[in-house]
Structures are given as structure tokens and as C-alpha cells.
Amino acid sequence: MEAYKNYLIEKIGMTGANADLFLSGFETVKYKKGDFLQEVGDKCNVVRILLQGCARGFVVLDGKEITTNFYFEHDHTYDYINYLKQQKGDINIQALDDIVAIELSMEALDFLESEIIAFHRMSHQMFKMNMIKSETQRMDFIIKKPKERYFDLLKNNKQVILRVPQHQIASFIGISAEHLSRIRKEIVTKND
């Protein structure tokens, strides 16, 4: 939890005292590889932050799993839109390896935000970061070709390449595993 406290201080701009107060409301939860952190239809009323491990978000359409996101250390790992709307979730989130996370109820977060101005600022900052990430992903999917999306992963998020199975990466960038294999082979051939 100390690493996440440092993240809050360095990246979000919280004071050490506010970071301690914020983290005091969280409960540590562990998930095993393959466990669901959230399933479609679950109520989205918990803020979940990964301290260790990785997970993926996905939906099932016509019997086929389609990866929507990957989550790593310090990522907020829940159906953010439905959390804000206080509705049941539309996505599954599954542990890709053993996970240690911290969780805070919506009520506890609302209390902190209403009582301490620093928490409102922090929440706003995290909201902006989530929206920027989501909008960037959406626009990349619209305007970039699969090969470009894969290169972006190589360049900007090596964790995905190192920690996630190839068929899930292919699903995330919107192509078949075979197409991704051809892209990877082309990269190797060019570098030889």
C-alpha cells in the first residue's frame, strides 16, 4: 500500500496526511488467477484499485469474448461509467494472475469527497485521467489500423505485451489471433 500512497502524493498531488486518511477507508482484497473481480450484472458500488497483479475487462458477444481493457498496478479496476451512473455493470473483469487490490465503498468515497476538499480534487483528477484514457482508446480504435494499435501497445504499455496472452491482445486491438501473429512475424522479419 506504501507504493500506492507514493503514487497519490507524486502523481495526484495529495499530501501524505490526506493520502493516509484516504487509504484508511480501503479494505485489502485478494483474488486468485481466474477469479472475477466483477461480472456483468454486478452492482457497481465499489472503487477498486490494483496494488499487485493484472486483470482484463471483457464482454461476451455472440458467445465470443471481446477484451475491452487491461488493468495493472495503480489502475482503477471497475466499470467506471456504471459506477458513476450507479447501475449494474456491463463488463466482466477477470484476474489474469493473482491480485492484491484495495476496495472502498461508494458511500465512503462520497463522504470523504464531501468532507475534505482535497478528496474532491483527487477524485476530479482521477476522473479526468480515466476519461482521457477512455477517449484515447476510442479514437485510436476508430482512426488507427490494427498494426498501429499494436505498435502503440509496444511503445506505451509494455506490461500488456509481457503479461497478457496474445489472443487477448488481439481481441483488444480488434483483430484475430492469426492476424496479430502475422503482424508480429512482419516485425521480426523487418528487424532481421
N, C-alpha and C. Protein backbone atom coordinates (compact mmCIF):
# COMPACT_ATOMS: atom_id res chain seq x y z
N MET A 1 0.82 -1.20 0.00
CA MET A 1 0.00 0.00 0.00
C MET A 1 0.87 1.26 0.00
N GLU A 2 2.10 1.12 0.47
CA GLU A 2 3.01 2.26 0.51
C GLU A 2 3.31 2.78 -0.90
N ALA A 3 3.44 1.87 -1.86
CA ALA A 3 3.70 2.29 -3.25
C ALA A 3 2.53 3.10 -3.79
N TYR A 4 1.31 2.71 -3.44
CA TYR A 4 0.15 3.48 -3.92
C TYR A 4 0.07 4.82 -3.21
N LYS A 5 0.44 4.87 -1.96
CA LYS A 5 0.48 6.15 -1.24
C LYS A 5 1.45 7.10 -1.94
N ASN A 6 2.63 6.59 -2.30
CA ASN A 6 3.60 7.42 -3.02
C ASN A 6 3.04 7.89 -4.35
N TYR A 7 2.30 7.01 -5.04
CA TYR A 7 1.66 7.39 -6.30
C TYR A 7 0.68 8.54 -6.07
N LEU A 8 -0.14 8.46 -5.02
CA LEU A 8 -1.10 9.52 -4.73
C LEU A 8 -0.39 10.85 -4.46
N ILE A 9 0.72 10.79 -3.78
CA ILE A 9 1.46 12.00 -3.45
C ILE A 9 2.13 12.58 -4.69
N GLU A 10 2.82 11.71 -5.46
CA GLU A 10 3.61 12.18 -6.60
C GLU A 10 2.78 12.49 -7.83
N LYS A 11 1.82 11.63 -8.16
CA LYS A 11 1.07 11.79 -9.42
C LYS A 11 -0.23 12.59 -9.25
N ILE A 12 -0.88 12.46 -8.08
CA ILE A 12 -2.16 13.12 -7.87
C ILE A 12 -2.00 14.41 -7.09
N GLY A 13 -0.90 14.55 -6.36
CA GLY A 13 -0.63 15.78 -5.63
C GLY A 13 -1.25 15.84 -4.23
N MET A 14 -1.55 14.69 -3.66
CA MET A 14 -2.09 14.67 -2.30
C MET A 14 -0.96 14.86 -1.29
N THR A 15 -1.32 15.37 -0.11
CA THR A 15 -0.35 15.41 0.98
C THR A 15 -0.26 14.02 1.59
N GLY A 16 0.80 13.76 2.31
CA GLY A 16 0.94 12.47 2.97
C GLY A 16 -0.19 12.19 3.94
N ALA A 17 -0.62 13.22 4.67
CA ALA A 17 -1.71 13.05 5.65
C ALA A 17 -3.02 12.72 4.94
N ASN A 18 -3.31 13.41 3.85
CA ASN A 18 -4.55 13.13 3.11
C ASN A 18 -4.51 11.75 2.46
N ALA A 19 -3.34 11.36 1.96
CA ALA A 19 -3.21 10.02 1.37
C ALA A 19 -3.46 8.95 2.44
N ASP A 20 -2.91 9.16 3.63
CA ASP A 20 -3.15 8.22 4.73
C ASP A 20 -4.63 8.14 5.07
N LEU A 21 -5.27 9.29 5.18
CA LEU A 21 -6.69 9.33 5.51
C LEU A 21 -7.52 8.63 4.43
N PHE A 22 -7.20 8.92 3.17
CA PHE A 22 -7.91 8.30 2.06
C PHE A 22 -7.75 6.78 2.10
N LEU A 23 -6.54 6.31 2.26
CA LEU A 23 -6.27 4.87 2.23
C LEU A 23 -6.82 4.14 3.45
N SER A 24 -7.04 4.87 4.54
CA SER A 24 -7.56 4.23 5.76
C SER A 24 -8.96 3.65 5.56
N GLY A 25 -9.69 4.15 4.57
CA GLY A 25 -11.04 3.65 4.32
C GLY A 25 -11.08 2.41 3.44
N PHE A 26 -9.97 2.03 2.86
CA PHE A 26 -9.92 0.89 1.95
C PHE A 26 -9.74 -0.42 2.70
N GLU A 27 -10.28 -1.46 2.10
CA GLU A 27 -10.10 -2.82 2.59
C GLU A 27 -9.24 -3.56 1.57
N THR A 28 -8.26 -4.33 2.05
CA THR A 28 -7.43 -5.12 1.15
C THR A 28 -8.17 -6.41 0.78
N VAL A 29 -8.20 -6.71 -0.50
CA VAL A 29 -8.88 -7.90 -1.01
C VAL A 29 -7.93 -8.63 -1.94
N LYS A 30 -7.94 -9.97 -1.88
CA LYS A 30 -7.08 -10.77 -2.75
C LYS A 30 -7.96 -11.60 -3.68
N TYR A 31 -7.49 -11.73 -4.92
CA TYR A 31 -8.15 -12.55 -5.93
C TYR A 31 -7.12 -13.51 -6.50
N LYS A 32 -7.54 -14.70 -6.80
CA LYS A 32 -6.68 -15.69 -7.45
C LYS A 32 -6.82 -15.57 -8.96
N LYS A 33 -5.80 -16.01 -9.67
CA LYS A 33 -5.86 -16.05 -11.13
C LYS A 33 -7.14 -16.76 -11.56
N GLY A 34 -7.88 -16.12 -12.47
CA GLY A 34 -9.13 -16.69 -12.96
C GLY A 34 -10.36 -16.20 -12.23
N ASP A 35 -10.20 -15.64 -11.02
CA ASP A 35 -11.34 -15.11 -10.28
C ASP A 35 -11.92 -13.89 -11.00
N PHE A 36 -13.21 -13.69 -10.81
CA PHE A 36 -13.86 -12.49 -11.34
C PHE A 36 -13.87 -11.41 -10.26
N LEU A 37 -13.35 -10.25 -10.60
CA LEU A 37 -13.42 -9.10 -9.72
C LEU A 37 -14.80 -8.47 -9.84
N GLN A 38 -15.38 -8.62 -11.03
CA GLN A 38 -16.71 -8.11 -11.32
C GLN A 38 -17.27 -8.92 -12.48
N GLU A 39 -18.58 -9.18 -12.43
CA GLU A 39 -19.26 -9.86 -13.52
C GLU A 39 -20.40 -8.99 -14.03
N VAL A 40 -20.77 -9.19 -15.28
CA VAL A 40 -21.90 -8.47 -15.86
C VAL A 40 -23.08 -8.63 -14.91
N GLY A 41 -23.74 -7.51 -14.61
CA GLY A 41 -24.90 -7.54 -13.73
C GLY A 41 -24.59 -7.22 -12.28
N ASP A 42 -23.30 -7.26 -11.90
CA ASP A 42 -22.95 -6.87 -10.53
C ASP A 42 -23.19 -5.38 -10.34
N LYS A 43 -23.61 -5.00 -9.16
CA LYS A 43 -23.78 -3.59 -8.85
C LYS A 43 -22.41 -2.93 -8.77
N CYS A 44 -22.28 -1.79 -9.40
CA CYS A 44 -21.00 -1.06 -9.43
C CYS A 44 -20.98 -0.03 -8.31
N ASN A 45 -20.65 -0.46 -7.10
CA ASN A 45 -20.68 0.45 -5.96
C ASN A 45 -19.39 0.42 -5.15
N VAL A 46 -18.31 -0.02 -5.79
CA VAL A 46 -17.01 -0.13 -5.12
C VAL A 46 -15.93 0.45 -6.02
N VAL A 47 -15.05 1.25 -5.41
CA VAL A 47 -13.83 1.69 -6.08
C VAL A 47 -12.79 0.62 -5.80
N ARG A 48 -12.20 0.07 -6.85
CA ARG A 48 -11.21 -0.99 -6.71
C ARG A 48 -9.93 -0.54 -7.40
N ILE A 49 -8.83 -0.63 -6.68
CA ILE A 49 -7.53 -0.22 -7.21
C ILE A 49 -6.56 -1.39 -7.06
N LEU A 50 -5.90 -1.74 -8.15
CA LEU A 50 -4.93 -2.84 -8.09
C LEU A 50 -3.63 -2.37 -7.47
N LEU A 51 -3.15 -3.15 -6.52
CA LEU A 51 -1.83 -2.91 -5.94
C LEU A 51 -0.81 -3.85 -6.56
N GLN A 52 -1.28 -5.06 -6.92
CA GLN A 52 -0.40 -6.09 -7.46
C GLN A 52 -1.20 -6.97 -8.40
N GLY A 53 -0.61 -7.32 -9.53
CA GLY A 53 -1.26 -8.23 -10.47
C GLY A 53 -1.87 -7.50 -11.65
N CYS A 54 -2.54 -8.26 -12.50
CA CYS A 54 -3.20 -7.67 -13.66
C CYS A 54 -4.52 -8.39 -13.93
N ALA A 55 -5.40 -7.67 -14.61
CA ALA A 55 -6.73 -8.18 -14.93
C ALA A 55 -7.12 -7.67 -16.30
N ARG A 56 -8.20 -8.24 -16.80
CA ARG A 56 -8.72 -7.73 -18.07
C ARG A 56 -10.22 -7.56 -17.95
N GLY A 57 -10.72 -6.56 -18.65
CA GLY A 57 -12.16 -6.35 -18.78
C GLY A 57 -12.58 -6.94 -20.11
N PHE A 58 -13.78 -7.55 -20.13
CA PHE A 58 -14.27 -8.09 -21.39
C PHE A 58 -15.79 -8.22 -21.37
N VAL A 59 -16.34 -8.28 -22.56
CA VAL A 59 -17.76 -8.56 -22.75
C VAL A 59 -17.86 -9.82 -23.59
N VAL A 60 -19.02 -10.45 -23.57
CA VAL A 60 -19.25 -11.62 -24.39
C VAL A 60 -20.35 -11.27 -25.39
N LEU A 61 -20.00 -11.30 -26.67
CA LEU A 61 -20.95 -11.02 -27.75
C LEU A 61 -21.03 -12.24 -28.65
N ASP A 62 -22.23 -12.72 -28.84
CA ASP A 62 -22.45 -13.91 -29.68
C ASP A 62 -21.53 -15.07 -29.28
N GLY A 63 -21.33 -15.23 -27.98
CA GLY A 63 -20.51 -16.33 -27.48
C GLY A 63 -19.01 -16.10 -27.56
N LYS A 64 -18.59 -14.93 -28.02
CA LYS A 64 -17.17 -14.63 -28.19
C LYS A 64 -16.74 -13.55 -27.19
N GLU A 65 -15.63 -13.81 -26.48
CA GLU A 65 -15.10 -12.82 -25.54
C GLU A 65 -14.36 -11.72 -26.30
N ILE A 66 -14.71 -10.47 -25.98
CA ILE A 66 -14.04 -9.32 -26.59
C ILE A 66 -13.44 -8.49 -25.47
N THR A 67 -12.11 -8.37 -25.49
CA THR A 67 -11.39 -7.65 -24.45
C THR A 67 -11.60 -6.15 -24.61
N THR A 68 -11.97 -5.50 -23.51
CA THR A 68 -12.23 -4.06 -23.52
C THR A 68 -11.13 -3.25 -22.86
N ASN A 69 -10.38 -3.89 -21.96
CA ASN A 69 -9.35 -3.15 -21.25
C ASN A 69 -8.43 -4.10 -20.50
N PHE A 70 -7.26 -3.60 -20.16
CA PHE A 70 -6.34 -4.30 -19.29
C PHE A 70 -6.06 -3.40 -18.09
N TYR A 71 -5.87 -4.01 -16.94
CA TYR A 71 -5.65 -3.26 -15.70
C TYR A 71 -4.38 -3.77 -15.03
N PHE A 72 -3.55 -2.83 -14.57
CA PHE A 72 -2.29 -3.15 -13.92
C PHE A 72 -2.18 -2.38 -12.61
N GLU A 73 -1.03 -2.46 -11.98
CA GLU A 73 -0.81 -1.80 -10.70
C GLU A 73 -1.18 -0.31 -10.79
N HIS A 74 -1.93 0.15 -9.78
CA HIS A 74 -2.41 1.52 -9.60
C HIS A 74 -3.63 1.85 -10.46
N ASP A 75 -4.08 0.94 -11.29
CA ASP A 75 -5.27 1.20 -12.11
C ASP A 75 -6.55 1.02 -11.30
N HIS A 76 -7.49 1.89 -11.59
CA HIS A 76 -8.85 1.73 -11.07
C HIS A 76 -9.49 0.63 -11.90
N THR A 77 -9.99 -0.38 -11.23
CA THR A 77 -10.41 -1.61 -11.90
C THR A 77 -11.87 -1.89 -11.60
N TYR A 78 -12.73 -1.17 -12.29
CA TYR A 78 -14.16 -1.38 -12.15
C TYR A 78 -14.84 -0.74 -13.35
N ASP A 79 -16.13 -1.00 -13.50
CA ASP A 79 -16.92 -0.45 -14.61
C ASP A 79 -17.23 1.00 -14.27
N TYR A 80 -16.34 1.90 -14.66
CA TYR A 80 -16.36 3.29 -14.21
C TYR A 80 -17.65 4.02 -14.59
N ILE A 81 -18.10 3.86 -15.82
CA ILE A 81 -19.31 4.55 -16.27
C ILE A 81 -20.52 4.11 -15.45
N ASN A 82 -20.68 2.81 -15.26
CA ASN A 82 -21.82 2.33 -14.49
C ASN A 82 -21.66 2.62 -13.00
N TYR A 83 -20.44 2.77 -12.53
CA TYR A 83 -20.22 3.22 -11.16
C TYR A 83 -20.78 4.64 -11.01
N LEU A 84 -20.44 5.52 -11.97
CA LEU A 84 -20.93 6.90 -11.91
C LEU A 84 -22.46 6.96 -12.02
N LYS A 85 -23.02 6.09 -12.86
CA LYS A 85 -24.48 6.05 -13.05
C LYS A 85 -25.19 5.25 -11.97
N GLN A 86 -24.42 4.59 -11.10
CA GLN A 86 -24.94 3.73 -10.03
C GLN A 86 -25.85 2.64 -10.60
N GLN A 87 -25.34 1.99 -11.64
CA GLN A 87 -26.08 0.92 -12.29
C GLN A 87 -25.28 -0.37 -12.23
N LYS A 88 -25.93 -1.43 -12.65
CA LYS A 88 -25.24 -2.72 -12.72
C LYS A 88 -24.24 -2.69 -13.87
N GLY A 89 -23.16 -3.45 -13.70
CA GLY A 89 -22.07 -3.43 -14.66
C GLY A 89 -22.38 -4.11 -15.98
N ASP A 90 -21.71 -3.65 -17.02
CA ASP A 90 -21.85 -4.20 -18.37
C ASP A 90 -20.66 -5.06 -18.77
N ILE A 91 -19.62 -5.09 -17.93
CA ILE A 91 -18.41 -5.83 -18.30
C ILE A 91 -18.03 -6.82 -17.20
N ASN A 92 -17.27 -7.82 -17.62
CA ASN A 92 -16.63 -8.75 -16.70
C ASN A 92 -15.19 -8.26 -16.50
N ILE A 93 -14.70 -8.42 -15.28
CA ILE A 93 -13.29 -8.14 -15.02
C ILE A 93 -12.73 -9.38 -14.34
N GLN A 94 -11.70 -9.96 -14.96
CA GLN A 94 -11.16 -11.23 -14.51
C GLN A 94 -9.66 -11.12 -14.25
N ALA A 95 -9.21 -11.73 -13.16
CA ALA A 95 -7.79 -11.73 -12.80
C ALA A 95 -7.00 -12.57 -13.80
N LEU A 96 -5.94 -11.98 -14.36
CA LEU A 96 -5.04 -12.72 -15.24
C LEU A 96 -3.91 -13.38 -14.46
N ASP A 97 -3.68 -12.91 -13.25
CA ASP A 97 -2.79 -13.58 -12.31
C ASP A 97 -3.28 -13.23 -10.90
N ASP A 98 -2.60 -13.69 -9.87
CA ASP A 98 -3.03 -13.38 -8.52
C ASP A 98 -2.99 -11.87 -8.30
N ILE A 99 -4.00 -11.36 -7.61
CA ILE A 99 -4.17 -9.92 -7.46
C ILE A 99 -4.30 -9.56 -5.99
N VAL A 100 -3.68 -8.44 -5.64
CA VAL A 100 -3.96 -7.78 -4.37
C VAL A 100 -4.54 -6.42 -4.75
N ALA A 101 -5.72 -6.14 -4.24
CA ALA A 101 -6.41 -4.88 -4.54
C ALA A 101 -6.88 -4.24 -3.25
N ILE A 102 -7.22 -2.96 -3.36
CA ILE A 102 -7.89 -2.29 -2.25
C ILE A 102 -9.25 -1.82 -2.76
N GLU A 103 -10.25 -1.87 -1.88
CA GLU A 103 -11.61 -1.52 -2.28
C GLU A 103 -12.22 -0.57 -1.25
N LEU A 104 -13.01 0.37 -1.76
CA LEU A 104 -13.69 1.37 -0.95
C LEU A 104 -15.11 1.50 -1.45
N SER A 105 -16.07 1.53 -0.54
CA SER A 105 -17.46 1.65 -0.96
C SER A 105 -17.74 3.05 -1.50
N MET A 106 -18.74 3.15 -2.36
CA MET A 106 -19.15 4.43 -2.92
C MET A 106 -19.55 5.40 -1.80
N GLU A 107 -20.23 4.89 -0.80
CA GLU A 107 -20.68 5.74 0.31
C GLU A 107 -19.49 6.34 1.06
N ALA A 108 -18.46 5.52 1.30
CA ALA A 108 -17.27 6.02 1.99
C ALA A 108 -16.55 7.08 1.16
N LEU A 109 -16.46 6.86 -0.15
CA LEU A 109 -15.81 7.84 -1.02
C LEU A 109 -16.63 9.13 -1.07
N ASP A 110 -17.94 9.02 -1.18
CA ASP A 110 -18.79 10.22 -1.18
C ASP A 110 -18.60 11.03 0.10
N PHE A 111 -18.50 10.34 1.23
CA PHE A 111 -18.28 11.03 2.50
C PHE A 111 -16.95 11.78 2.48
N LEU A 112 -15.90 11.10 2.06
CA LEU A 112 -14.58 11.74 2.01
C LEU A 112 -14.61 12.96 1.09
N GLU A 113 -15.25 12.83 -0.06
CA GLU A 113 -15.32 13.94 -1.02
C GLU A 113 -16.11 15.12 -0.46
N SER A 114 -17.16 14.84 0.29
CA SER A 114 -17.98 15.94 0.81
C SER A 114 -17.34 16.63 2.00
N GLU A 115 -16.49 15.93 2.73
CA GLU A 115 -15.91 16.48 3.95
C GLU A 115 -14.54 17.13 3.74
N ILE A 116 -13.80 16.65 2.76
CA ILE A 116 -12.42 17.12 2.61
C ILE A 116 -12.20 17.53 1.15
N ILE A 117 -11.91 18.80 0.94
CA ILE A 117 -11.79 19.35 -0.41
C ILE A 117 -10.69 18.65 -1.22
N ALA A 118 -9.63 18.22 -0.57
CA ALA A 118 -8.54 17.54 -1.28
C ALA A 118 -9.04 16.26 -1.95
N PHE A 119 -10.01 15.59 -1.35
CA PHE A 119 -10.53 14.36 -1.94
C PHE A 119 -11.38 14.67 -3.17
N HIS A 120 -12.08 15.78 -3.12
CA HIS A 120 -12.86 16.17 -4.29
C HIS A 120 -11.91 16.47 -5.46
N ARG A 121 -10.82 17.18 -5.19
CA ARG A 121 -9.83 17.47 -6.24
C ARG A 121 -9.22 16.18 -6.77
N MET A 122 -8.87 15.26 -5.85
CA MET A 122 -8.27 14.00 -6.25
C MET A 122 -9.24 13.20 -7.13
N SER A 123 -10.49 13.15 -6.72
CA SER A 123 -11.50 12.43 -7.49
C SER A 123 -11.65 13.05 -8.88
N HIS A 124 -11.65 14.37 -8.93
CA HIS A 124 -11.75 15.06 -10.22
C HIS A 124 -10.54 14.74 -11.10
N GLN A 125 -9.35 14.73 -10.52
CA GLN A 125 -8.14 14.41 -11.27
C GLN A 125 -8.20 12.99 -11.82
N MET A 126 -8.65 12.05 -11.00
CA MET A 126 -8.74 10.66 -11.45
C MET A 126 -9.83 10.51 -12.52
N PHE A 127 -10.91 11.25 -12.37
CA PHE A 127 -11.96 11.24 -13.39
C PHE A 127 -11.38 11.70 -14.72
N LYS A 128 -10.62 12.79 -14.70
CA LYS A 128 -10.01 13.29 -15.94
C LYS A 128 -9.07 12.25 -16.54
N MET A 129 -8.26 11.61 -15.71
CA MET A 129 -7.32 10.60 -16.21
C MET A 129 -8.08 9.43 -16.86
N ASN A 130 -9.15 8.98 -16.22
CA ASN A 130 -9.96 7.89 -16.79
C ASN A 130 -10.62 8.30 -18.10
N MET A 131 -11.14 9.52 -18.16
CA MET A 131 -11.80 9.97 -19.38
C MET A 131 -10.80 10.13 -20.52
N ILE A 132 -9.64 10.65 -20.23
CA ILE A 132 -8.61 10.80 -21.26
C ILE A 132 -8.21 9.43 -21.80
N LYS A 133 -8.00 8.47 -20.90
CA LYS A 133 -7.63 7.12 -21.31
C LYS A 133 -8.73 6.50 -22.18
N SER A 134 -9.97 6.62 -21.75
CA SER A 134 -11.09 6.04 -22.50
C SER A 134 -11.26 6.69 -23.87
N GLU A 135 -11.19 8.00 -23.90
CA GLU A 135 -11.38 8.69 -25.18
C GLU A 135 -10.23 8.42 -26.14
N THR A 136 -9.01 8.31 -25.61
CA THR A 136 -7.86 7.99 -26.45
C THR A 136 -8.03 6.59 -27.04
N GLN A 137 -8.44 5.63 -26.21
CA GLN A 137 -8.67 4.27 -26.71
C GLN A 137 -9.75 4.27 -27.80
N ARG A 138 -10.83 4.98 -27.54
CA ARG A 138 -11.94 5.01 -28.50
C ARG A 138 -11.48 5.61 -29.84
N MET A 139 -10.79 6.73 -29.79
CA MET A 139 -10.35 7.37 -31.02
C MET A 139 -9.29 6.53 -31.74
N ASP A 140 -8.39 5.91 -30.99
CA ASP A 140 -7.39 5.04 -31.62
C ASP A 140 -8.07 3.89 -32.37
N PHE A 141 -9.12 3.36 -31.79
CA PHE A 141 -9.83 2.25 -32.43
C PHE A 141 -10.50 2.70 -33.72
N ILE A 142 -10.91 3.95 -33.76
CA ILE A 142 -11.60 4.48 -34.95
C ILE A 142 -10.61 4.86 -36.04
N ILE A 143 -9.53 5.54 -35.67
CA ILE A 143 -8.67 6.14 -36.70
C ILE A 143 -7.38 5.37 -37.00
N LYS A 144 -6.99 4.46 -36.13
CA LYS A 144 -5.73 3.75 -36.37
C LYS A 144 -5.99 2.34 -36.87
N LYS A 145 -5.07 1.87 -37.66
CA LYS A 145 -5.13 0.49 -38.15
C LYS A 145 -4.63 -0.44 -37.04
N PRO A 146 -5.02 -1.72 -37.10
CA PRO A 146 -4.60 -2.66 -36.05
C PRO A 146 -3.09 -2.69 -35.81
N LYS A 147 -2.32 -2.62 -36.88
CA LYS A 147 -0.86 -2.64 -36.75
C LYS A 147 -0.39 -1.44 -35.93
N GLU A 148 -0.98 -0.27 -36.18
CA GLU A 148 -0.61 0.93 -35.42
C GLU A 148 -1.00 0.78 -33.94
N ARG A 149 -2.18 0.20 -33.69
CA ARG A 149 -2.61 -0.01 -32.30
C ARG A 149 -1.66 -0.96 -31.59
N TYR A 150 -1.19 -1.99 -32.30
CA TYR A 150 -0.23 -2.91 -31.71
C TYR A 150 1.10 -2.20 -31.43
N PHE A 151 1.57 -1.40 -32.36
CA PHE A 151 2.81 -0.64 -32.14
C PHE A 151 2.67 0.29 -30.94
N ASP A 152 1.50 0.90 -30.79
CA ASP A 152 1.26 1.76 -29.62
C ASP A 152 1.38 0.97 -28.32
N LEU A 153 0.85 -0.25 -28.31
CA LEU A 153 1.00 -1.10 -27.12
C LEU A 153 2.47 -1.40 -26.85
N LEU A 154 3.21 -1.72 -27.90
CA LEU A 154 4.64 -1.99 -27.75
C LEU A 154 5.37 -0.79 -27.16
N LYS A 155 5.00 0.37 -27.66
CA LYS A 155 5.68 1.60 -27.27
C LYS A 155 5.24 2.11 -25.90
N ASN A 156 3.94 2.10 -25.63
CA ASN A 156 3.40 2.78 -24.46
C ASN A 156 3.02 1.89 -23.30
N ASN A 157 2.85 0.61 -23.54
CA ASN A 157 2.38 -0.25 -22.46
C ASN A 157 2.99 -1.64 -22.58
N LYS A 158 4.27 -1.70 -22.32
CA LYS A 158 4.98 -2.97 -22.45
C LYS A 158 4.44 -4.03 -21.51
N GLN A 159 3.79 -3.61 -20.40
CA GLN A 159 3.21 -4.59 -19.48
C GLN A 159 2.22 -5.50 -20.20
N VAL A 160 1.44 -4.92 -21.09
CA VAL A 160 0.45 -5.72 -21.82
C VAL A 160 1.16 -6.80 -22.61
N ILE A 161 2.19 -6.42 -23.33
CA ILE A 161 2.91 -7.36 -24.18
C ILE A 161 3.56 -8.46 -23.34
N LEU A 162 4.08 -8.10 -22.17
CA LEU A 162 4.80 -9.05 -21.34
C LEU A 162 3.89 -9.93 -20.47
N ARG A 163 2.69 -9.44 -20.15
CA ARG A 163 1.89 -10.11 -19.12
C ARG A 163 0.53 -10.65 -19.60
N VAL A 164 0.17 -10.38 -20.84
CA VAL A 164 -1.17 -10.75 -21.31
C VAL A 164 -1.05 -11.73 -22.48
N PRO A 165 -1.87 -12.77 -22.48
CA PRO A 165 -1.85 -13.72 -23.61
C PRO A 165 -2.14 -13.02 -24.94
N GLN A 166 -1.50 -13.52 -26.00
CA GLN A 166 -1.61 -12.89 -27.32
C GLN A 166 -3.04 -12.84 -27.85
N HIS A 167 -3.83 -13.88 -27.60
CA HIS A 167 -5.21 -13.87 -28.13
C HIS A 167 -6.05 -12.77 -27.48
N GLN A 168 -5.73 -12.41 -26.23
CA GLN A 168 -6.45 -11.32 -25.57
C GLN A 168 -5.99 -9.96 -26.09
N ILE A 169 -4.71 -9.85 -26.40
CA ILE A 169 -4.21 -8.62 -27.03
C ILE A 169 -4.87 -8.44 -28.39
N ALA A 170 -4.95 -9.52 -29.16
CA ALA A 170 -5.59 -9.45 -30.48
C ALA A 170 -7.03 -8.98 -30.34
N SER A 171 -7.76 -9.54 -29.40
CA SER A 171 -9.15 -9.14 -29.18
C SER A 171 -9.23 -7.66 -28.82
N PHE A 172 -8.31 -7.19 -27.98
CA PHE A 172 -8.29 -5.79 -27.54
C PHE A 172 -8.08 -4.83 -28.71
N ILE A 173 -7.21 -5.20 -29.64
CA ILE A 173 -6.96 -4.29 -30.78
C ILE A 173 -7.89 -4.57 -31.96
N GLY A 174 -8.79 -5.52 -31.78
CA GLY A 174 -9.86 -5.73 -32.77
C GLY A 174 -9.51 -6.62 -33.94
N ILE A 175 -8.61 -7.57 -33.72
CA ILE A 175 -8.24 -8.47 -34.81
C ILE A 175 -8.21 -9.91 -34.30
N SER A 176 -8.05 -10.84 -35.21
CA SER A 176 -7.93 -12.25 -34.83
C SER A 176 -6.51 -12.52 -34.33
N ALA A 177 -6.37 -13.59 -33.59
CA ALA A 177 -5.04 -14.00 -33.11
C ALA A 177 -4.11 -14.28 -34.29
N GLU A 178 -4.67 -14.82 -35.37
CA GLU A 178 -3.86 -15.11 -36.56
C GLU A 178 -3.32 -13.83 -37.19
N HIS A 179 -4.17 -12.79 -37.25
CA HIS A 179 -3.74 -11.51 -37.82
C HIS A 179 -2.63 -10.91 -36.96
N LEU A 180 -2.78 -11.00 -35.63
CA LEU A 180 -1.73 -10.50 -34.76
C LEU A 180 -0.43 -11.27 -34.97
N SER A 181 -0.53 -12.57 -35.16
CA SER A 181 0.65 -13.39 -35.41
C SER A 181 1.37 -12.92 -36.68
N ARG A 182 0.60 -12.58 -37.72
CA ARG A 182 1.22 -12.08 -38.96
C ARG A 182 1.92 -10.74 -38.72
N ILE A 183 1.29 -9.86 -37.94
CA ILE A 183 1.90 -8.56 -37.62
C ILE A 183 3.21 -8.77 -36.87
N ARG A 184 3.18 -9.65 -35.88
CA ARG A 184 4.39 -9.93 -35.09
C ARG A 184 5.49 -10.53 -35.96
N LYS A 185 5.11 -11.43 -36.87
CA LYS A 185 6.09 -12.06 -37.76
C LYS A 185 6.69 -10.99 -38.68
N GLU A 186 5.88 -10.08 -39.16
CA GLU A 186 6.35 -8.99 -40.03
C GLU A 186 7.35 -8.12 -39.29
N ILE A 187 7.10 -7.84 -38.01
CA ILE A 187 8.01 -7.03 -37.20
C ILE A 187 9.36 -7.73 -37.05
N VAL A 188 9.33 -9.02 -36.75
CA VAL A 188 10.55 -9.82 -36.58
C VAL A 188 11.33 -9.85 -37.88
N THR A 189 10.63 -10.06 -39.01
CA THR A 189 11.27 -10.13 -40.33
C THR A 189 11.95 -8.80 -40.66
N LYS A 190 11.28 -7.66 -40.36
CA LYS A 190 11.85 -6.35 -40.63
C LYS A 190 13.10 -6.10 -39.80
N ASN A 191 13.12 -6.63 -38.58
CA ASN A 191 14.26 -6.37 -37.67
C ASN A 191 15.42 -7.33 -37.90
N ASP A 192 15.25 -8.30 -38.76
CA ASP A 192 16.36 -9.24 -39.05
C ASP A 192 17.28 -8.69 -40.11
